[in-house]
Protein backbone atom coordinates (compact mmCIF):
# COMPACT_ATOMS: atom_id res chain seq x y z
CA MET A 1 85.10 80.89 121.57
CA PHE A 2 88.69 81.20 122.71
CA ILE A 3 90.40 83.90 124.72
CA ILE A 4 92.93 85.95 122.80
CA GLY A 5 95.98 86.91 124.80
CA GLU A 6 97.45 90.38 124.89
CA ILE A 7 100.67 91.28 123.13
CA ARG A 8 102.63 93.79 125.18
CA PRO A 9 105.52 95.81 123.78
CA GLN A 10 108.97 94.63 124.77
CA SER A 11 111.84 96.79 125.94
CA VAL A 12 113.79 96.32 122.71
CA THR A 13 115.12 99.41 120.93
CA LEU A 14 116.58 99.54 117.44
CA ASN A 15 117.27 102.33 115.01
CA SER A 16 113.99 102.85 113.15
CA ASP A 17 115.59 102.44 109.70
CA VAL A 18 117.29 99.21 110.76
CA SER A 19 114.08 97.80 112.22
CA GLN A 20 112.14 98.65 109.03
CA ILE A 21 114.77 96.96 106.85
CA LEU A 22 114.92 93.85 109.04
CA ASN A 23 111.15 93.76 109.10
CA GLY A 24 110.88 93.98 105.33
CA VAL A 25 113.41 91.20 104.84
CA GLY A 26 111.87 89.00 107.51
CA ASN A 27 108.26 89.12 106.38
CA LEU A 28 109.13 88.50 102.72
CA LEU A 29 111.36 85.54 103.59
CA PHE A 30 108.49 84.12 105.61
CA LYS A 31 105.80 84.52 102.98
CA SER A 32 107.91 83.63 99.92
CA ARG A 33 108.22 79.99 101.01
CA SER A 34 104.60 79.21 100.15
CA LYS A 35 104.08 81.15 96.95
CA HIS A 36 106.65 79.95 94.39
CA PRO A 37 104.45 77.85 92.07
CA LEU A 38 101.81 80.59 91.91
CA VAL A 39 104.46 83.22 91.13
CA ASP A 40 105.69 81.12 88.23
CA ALA A 41 102.21 80.34 86.90
CA ALA A 42 101.02 83.94 87.19
CA THR A 43 104.05 85.28 85.33
CA ARG A 44 103.66 82.77 82.51
CA ARG A 45 99.98 83.59 82.09
CA LYS A 46 100.82 87.27 81.62
CA GLY A 47 103.51 86.59 79.01
CA PHE A 48 103.07 86.49 75.23
CA CYS A 49 103.94 82.77 75.22
CA PHE A 50 100.62 82.08 76.96
CA VAL A 51 98.74 83.64 74.03
CA GLN A 52 100.28 81.10 71.69
CA THR A 53 99.53 78.09 73.91
CA PRO A 54 96.70 78.68 76.42
CA ASN A 55 97.50 75.87 78.85
CA VAL A 56 100.13 77.33 81.15
CA LEU A 57 101.58 73.91 81.98
CA GLN A 58 101.80 72.88 78.33
CA GLY A 59 103.11 76.17 76.90
CA ARG A 60 106.37 76.33 75.05
CA ASN A 61 108.22 77.46 78.17
CA TYR A 62 107.26 74.39 80.22
CA GLN A 63 108.92 71.13 79.31
CA PRO A 64 107.10 67.83 80.03
CA ARG A 65 108.10 66.44 83.38
CA SER A 66 110.60 63.59 83.31
CA PRO A 67 111.52 61.10 86.06
CA HIS A 68 114.71 63.12 86.58
CA SER A 69 113.08 66.55 86.66
CA GLY A 70 113.46 66.93 90.40
CA GLY A 71 109.78 66.95 91.39
CA ARG A 72 109.30 70.19 93.27
CA ARG A 73 111.92 71.96 91.13
CA TYR A 74 109.66 71.51 88.09
CA LEU A 75 107.33 74.20 89.43
CA LEU A 76 110.11 76.27 91.04
CA PRO A 77 112.41 77.57 88.28
CA LEU A 78 113.87 80.09 90.72
CA THR A 79 115.81 78.65 93.62
CA GLU A 80 114.79 79.50 97.16
CA GLN A 81 118.08 81.28 97.69
CA TYR A 82 117.36 83.54 94.73
CA LEU A 83 113.88 84.39 95.99
CA HIS A 84 115.44 85.39 99.28
CA ILE A 85 117.52 88.00 97.44
CA LEU A 86 114.25 89.58 96.30
CA SER A 87 113.47 90.42 99.91
CA CYS A 88 115.65 93.51 99.42
CA HIS A 89 112.71 95.10 97.55
CA ARG A 90 110.45 94.98 100.60
CA ALA A 91 113.31 95.99 102.89
CA ILE A 92 113.91 99.13 100.82
CA TYR A 93 110.18 99.76 100.44
CA PHE A 94 109.28 99.66 104.13
CA ALA A 95 112.34 101.68 105.15
CA ALA A 96 111.48 104.35 102.56
CA TYR A 97 107.78 104.33 103.47
CA SER A 98 108.50 104.74 107.18
CA LYS A 99 111.02 107.53 106.63
CA ALA A 100 108.81 109.40 104.14
CA LYS A 101 105.78 109.13 106.43
CA GLU A 102 107.81 110.40 109.38
CA LYS A 103 109.03 113.44 107.43
CA LEU A 104 105.67 114.24 105.82
CA ASN A 105 103.84 114.05 109.15
CA GLY A 106 105.90 117.06 110.18
CA VAL A 107 104.90 119.03 107.09
CA LEU A 108 101.32 117.97 106.34
CA GLU A 109 98.44 116.94 108.56
CA PRO A 110 99.69 113.88 110.46
CA ASP A 111 98.45 110.51 109.17
CA SER A 112 96.26 112.17 106.56
CA THR A 113 95.37 110.64 103.20
CA GLN A 114 97.89 112.93 101.51
CA VAL A 115 100.67 111.67 103.78
CA HIS A 116 99.83 108.03 103.05
CA MET A 117 99.59 108.63 99.29
CA LEU A 118 102.88 110.53 99.05
CA SER A 119 104.71 108.11 101.34
CA ALA A 120 103.55 105.09 99.37
CA GLY A 121 104.43 106.76 96.07
CA MET A 122 107.91 107.79 97.18
CA ALA A 123 108.61 104.37 98.68
CA GLY A 124 107.42 102.62 95.53
CA PHE A 125 109.57 104.83 93.31
CA THR A 126 112.65 104.21 95.46
CA ALA A 127 112.20 100.42 95.64
CA ILE A 128 111.40 100.04 91.92
CA THR A 129 114.40 102.08 90.80
CA ALA A 130 116.75 100.13 93.07
CA THR A 131 115.48 96.61 92.35
CA ASN A 132 114.19 96.60 88.75
CA PRO A 133 117.22 94.63 87.46
CA ILE A 134 116.48 91.84 89.95
CA TRP A 135 112.82 91.64 88.92
CA LEU A 136 113.82 91.57 85.24
CA ILE A 137 116.16 88.62 85.82
CA LYS A 138 113.42 86.81 87.76
CA THR A 139 110.94 87.30 84.90
CA ARG A 140 113.45 86.18 82.26
CA LEU A 141 114.21 82.99 84.22
CA GLN A 142 110.51 82.22 84.62
CA LEU A 143 109.80 82.75 80.91
CA GLU A 144 112.94 81.00 79.67
CA THR A 145 112.53 78.86 76.57
CA ARG A 146 114.74 75.82 76.09
CA SER A 147 114.91 72.63 74.09
CA ARG A 148 114.04 69.28 75.64
CA GLY A 149 116.86 68.15 77.89
CA GLU A 150 118.65 71.50 77.79
CA ARG A 151 120.02 72.78 81.10
CA ARG A 152 118.11 75.62 82.70
CA MET A 153 119.93 78.96 82.69
CA ASN A 154 120.99 80.28 86.10
CA ALA A 155 120.81 83.88 87.34
CA ILE A 156 124.47 84.72 86.59
CA GLU A 157 124.16 83.45 83.02
CA CYS A 158 120.94 85.42 82.62
CA VAL A 159 122.65 88.63 83.76
CA GLY A 160 125.40 88.10 81.17
CA ARG A 161 122.88 87.37 78.44
CA VAL A 162 120.86 90.51 79.15
CA TYR A 163 124.01 92.65 79.15
CA ARG A 164 125.28 91.19 75.87
CA MET A 165 121.94 91.72 74.12
CA ASP A 166 120.82 95.10 75.46
CA GLY A 167 123.60 96.56 77.57
CA LEU A 168 122.86 98.29 80.88
CA ARG A 169 119.55 99.64 79.54
CA GLY A 170 118.32 96.07 79.23
CA PHE A 171 118.16 95.72 83.02
CA TYR A 172 115.61 98.52 83.22
CA ARG A 173 113.10 97.23 80.68
CA GLY A 174 109.57 97.37 82.06
CA MET A 175 110.45 100.02 84.64
CA SER A 176 107.93 102.46 83.12
CA ALA A 177 105.17 99.90 83.76
CA SER A 178 106.46 99.44 87.30
CA TYR A 179 106.24 103.18 87.87
CA ALA A 180 102.65 103.06 86.61
CA GLY A 181 102.12 100.29 89.14
CA ILE A 182 102.91 102.72 91.96
CA SER A 183 99.24 103.64 91.67
CA GLU A 184 98.40 100.16 92.99
CA THR A 185 100.63 100.69 96.00
CA VAL A 186 99.13 104.12 96.66
CA ILE A 187 95.56 102.80 96.46
CA HIS A 188 96.46 99.84 98.68
CA PHE A 189 98.03 101.92 101.44
CA VAL A 190 95.39 104.65 101.40
CA ILE A 191 92.60 102.08 101.83
CA TYR A 192 94.64 100.07 104.36
CA GLU A 193 95.48 103.08 106.53
CA SER A 194 91.87 104.26 106.36
CA ILE A 195 90.50 100.89 107.52
CA LYS A 196 93.18 100.65 110.21
CA ARG A 197 92.26 104.12 111.49
CA LYS A 198 88.58 103.15 111.64
CA LEU A 199 89.48 100.02 113.62
CA SER A 200 91.57 102.09 116.04
CA GLU A 201 88.72 104.57 116.53
CA PHE A 202 86.29 101.73 117.18
CA LYS A 203 88.64 100.25 119.79
CA ALA A 204 89.17 103.66 121.42
CA ASN A 205 85.41 104.21 121.72
CA SER A 206 84.83 100.78 123.21
CA SER A 207 87.81 100.70 125.63
CA MET A 208 87.50 101.93 129.20
CA ASP A 209 91.00 103.25 129.82
CA GLU A 210 94.10 104.43 127.93
CA GLU A 211 96.23 101.44 128.97
CA GLU A 212 93.74 99.00 127.46
CA GLU A 213 93.70 101.09 124.28
CA SER A 214 97.51 101.10 123.91
CA VAL A 215 97.95 97.35 124.40
CA LYS A 216 97.27 95.36 121.25
CA ASN A 217 96.05 91.79 121.23
CA ALA A 218 95.82 89.15 118.55
CA SER A 219 92.37 90.30 117.42
CA ASP A 220 93.85 93.71 116.54
CA PHE A 221 96.35 92.09 114.19
CA VAL A 222 93.67 89.84 112.68
CA GLY A 223 91.77 93.03 111.90
CA MET A 224 94.88 94.42 110.21
CA MET A 225 95.18 91.25 108.13
CA LEU A 226 91.59 91.66 106.94
CA ALA A 227 92.23 95.34 106.22
CA ALA A 228 95.31 94.42 104.17
CA ALA A 229 93.44 91.72 102.24
CA THR A 230 90.58 94.09 101.44
CA SER A 231 92.80 96.96 100.36
CA LYS A 232 95.05 94.74 98.23
CA THR A 233 92.05 93.19 96.44
CA CYS A 234 90.71 96.63 95.53
CA ALA A 235 94.09 98.02 94.47
CA THR A 236 95.10 94.99 92.38
CA SER A 237 91.76 94.78 90.58
CA ILE A 238 92.04 98.44 89.57
CA ALA A 239 95.71 98.58 88.57
CA TYR A 240 96.34 95.04 87.29
CA PRO A 241 96.94 95.86 83.56
CA HIS A 242 100.37 97.26 84.42
CA GLU A 243 101.41 93.75 85.52
CA VAL A 244 100.66 92.31 82.07
CA ILE A 245 102.36 95.24 80.31
CA ARG A 246 105.47 94.93 82.49
CA THR A 247 105.80 91.21 81.82
CA ARG A 248 105.43 91.73 78.06
CA LEU A 249 108.13 94.42 78.11
CA ARG A 250 110.54 92.20 80.04
CA GLU A 251 110.23 89.15 77.80
CA GLU A 252 113.36 88.32 75.84
CA GLY A 253 113.03 89.35 72.20
CA SER A 254 109.83 91.23 73.00
CA ARG A 255 108.31 93.25 70.16
CA TYR A 256 106.87 95.65 72.71
CA ARG A 257 108.93 98.80 73.18
CA SER A 258 107.13 101.17 75.55
CA PHE A 259 104.37 101.30 78.13
CA PHE A 260 101.79 103.10 76.00
CA GLN A 261 102.62 101.14 72.83
CA THR A 262 102.01 97.91 74.75
CA LEU A 263 98.87 99.30 76.37
CA LEU A 264 97.40 100.02 72.91
CA THR A 265 98.72 96.93 71.10
CA VAL A 266 97.62 94.21 73.54
CA PRO A 267 93.87 95.03 73.59
CA ARG A 268 93.84 95.73 69.84
CA GLU A 269 95.31 92.32 68.99
CA GLU A 270 93.98 90.17 71.86
CA GLY A 271 91.00 92.05 73.27
CA TYR A 272 90.69 94.02 76.49
CA GLY A 273 90.45 90.79 78.49
CA ALA A 274 94.14 90.21 77.77
CA LEU A 275 95.02 93.07 80.10
CA TYR A 276 93.53 91.03 82.95
CA ARG A 277 94.96 87.66 82.00
CA GLY A 278 96.23 85.87 85.12
CA LEU A 279 94.32 88.16 87.53
CA THR A 280 92.72 85.26 89.41
CA THR A 281 96.04 83.50 89.97
CA HIS A 282 97.61 86.81 90.95
CA LEU A 283 94.90 87.51 93.53
CA VAL A 284 95.11 84.00 94.99
CA ARG A 285 98.81 84.61 95.53
CA GLN A 286 98.73 88.26 96.57
CA ILE A 287 95.84 88.43 99.04
CA PRO A 288 97.16 85.96 101.65
CA ASN A 289 100.73 87.13 101.09
CA THR A 290 99.81 90.77 101.64
CA ALA A 291 97.75 89.92 104.72
CA ILE A 292 100.69 88.01 106.23
CA MET A 293 103.19 90.68 105.22
CA MET A 294 101.25 93.61 106.69
CA CYS A 295 100.44 91.72 109.88
CA THR A 296 104.12 90.80 110.31
CA TYR A 297 105.08 94.41 109.65
CA GLU A 298 102.65 95.73 112.25
CA VAL A 299 103.69 93.14 114.88
CA VAL A 300 107.42 93.82 114.45
CA VAL A 301 106.96 97.60 114.48
CA TYR A 302 104.78 97.31 117.59
CA LEU A 303 107.22 95.09 119.48
CA LEU A 304 110.40 96.94 118.49
CA GLY A 305 109.31 100.55 118.41
CA ARG A 306 106.79 101.14 121.21
């Protein structure tokens, strides 16, 4: 058994909004580097193309690998630079969550379940509304169909194509499903905050003095990682169908038109299991990513704000 060192807060002060934004950008940049192939595979499994050809690597959207395919690029249709742009979603989310929680703590019972639910819901609504066009372009690039040897479309070309076909409204396809997915965020944060509070109470009861209680060590953040993994597993398993519906709505030339029409059509034509297609891949990607993200968030907030 090894000794875990203490992490003491540093005398660094930043505006709380700035620190939340930097934190959101930083933790997503860190975790996105290891998840690209799973993001691509999970998205393809949720799309209608997967229904036509079950093997995700042999579906009509994946072309057989050639000697000139670029190796790693074959599984990474989005460039690393483009994925970094997506970090703005988490930056907006954490800034909105922190601000909403701060305001609601002054109105409702501090750190209550209601505060966590409302804060998560408001943050989710803000981030989704601001970044839906980026997520739509990402999905279109991942589900792109092309002939053998044809050059892959880049993000700028995809933006132009969406605008020509559907106008500005086209960039907000699938947003209704994303709003429904706020329930996943709410469930995740309510469970996470509850577990974190229980861990804090346990530490307070077992510590001998206030100084020991206020200083966090590595084991505290490991506990937060486990809390995040547990809460994300529960939330994703409950709310996953919105992921499938959102992907179907964002596909180019999709015959699906609305959230409820898709929710009724998919199980009627493909069975209720279709609403959970790709769940395993999604969990394999999301659980470690969420654990890393929440731990990074808590460490940065602790070091910069206390």
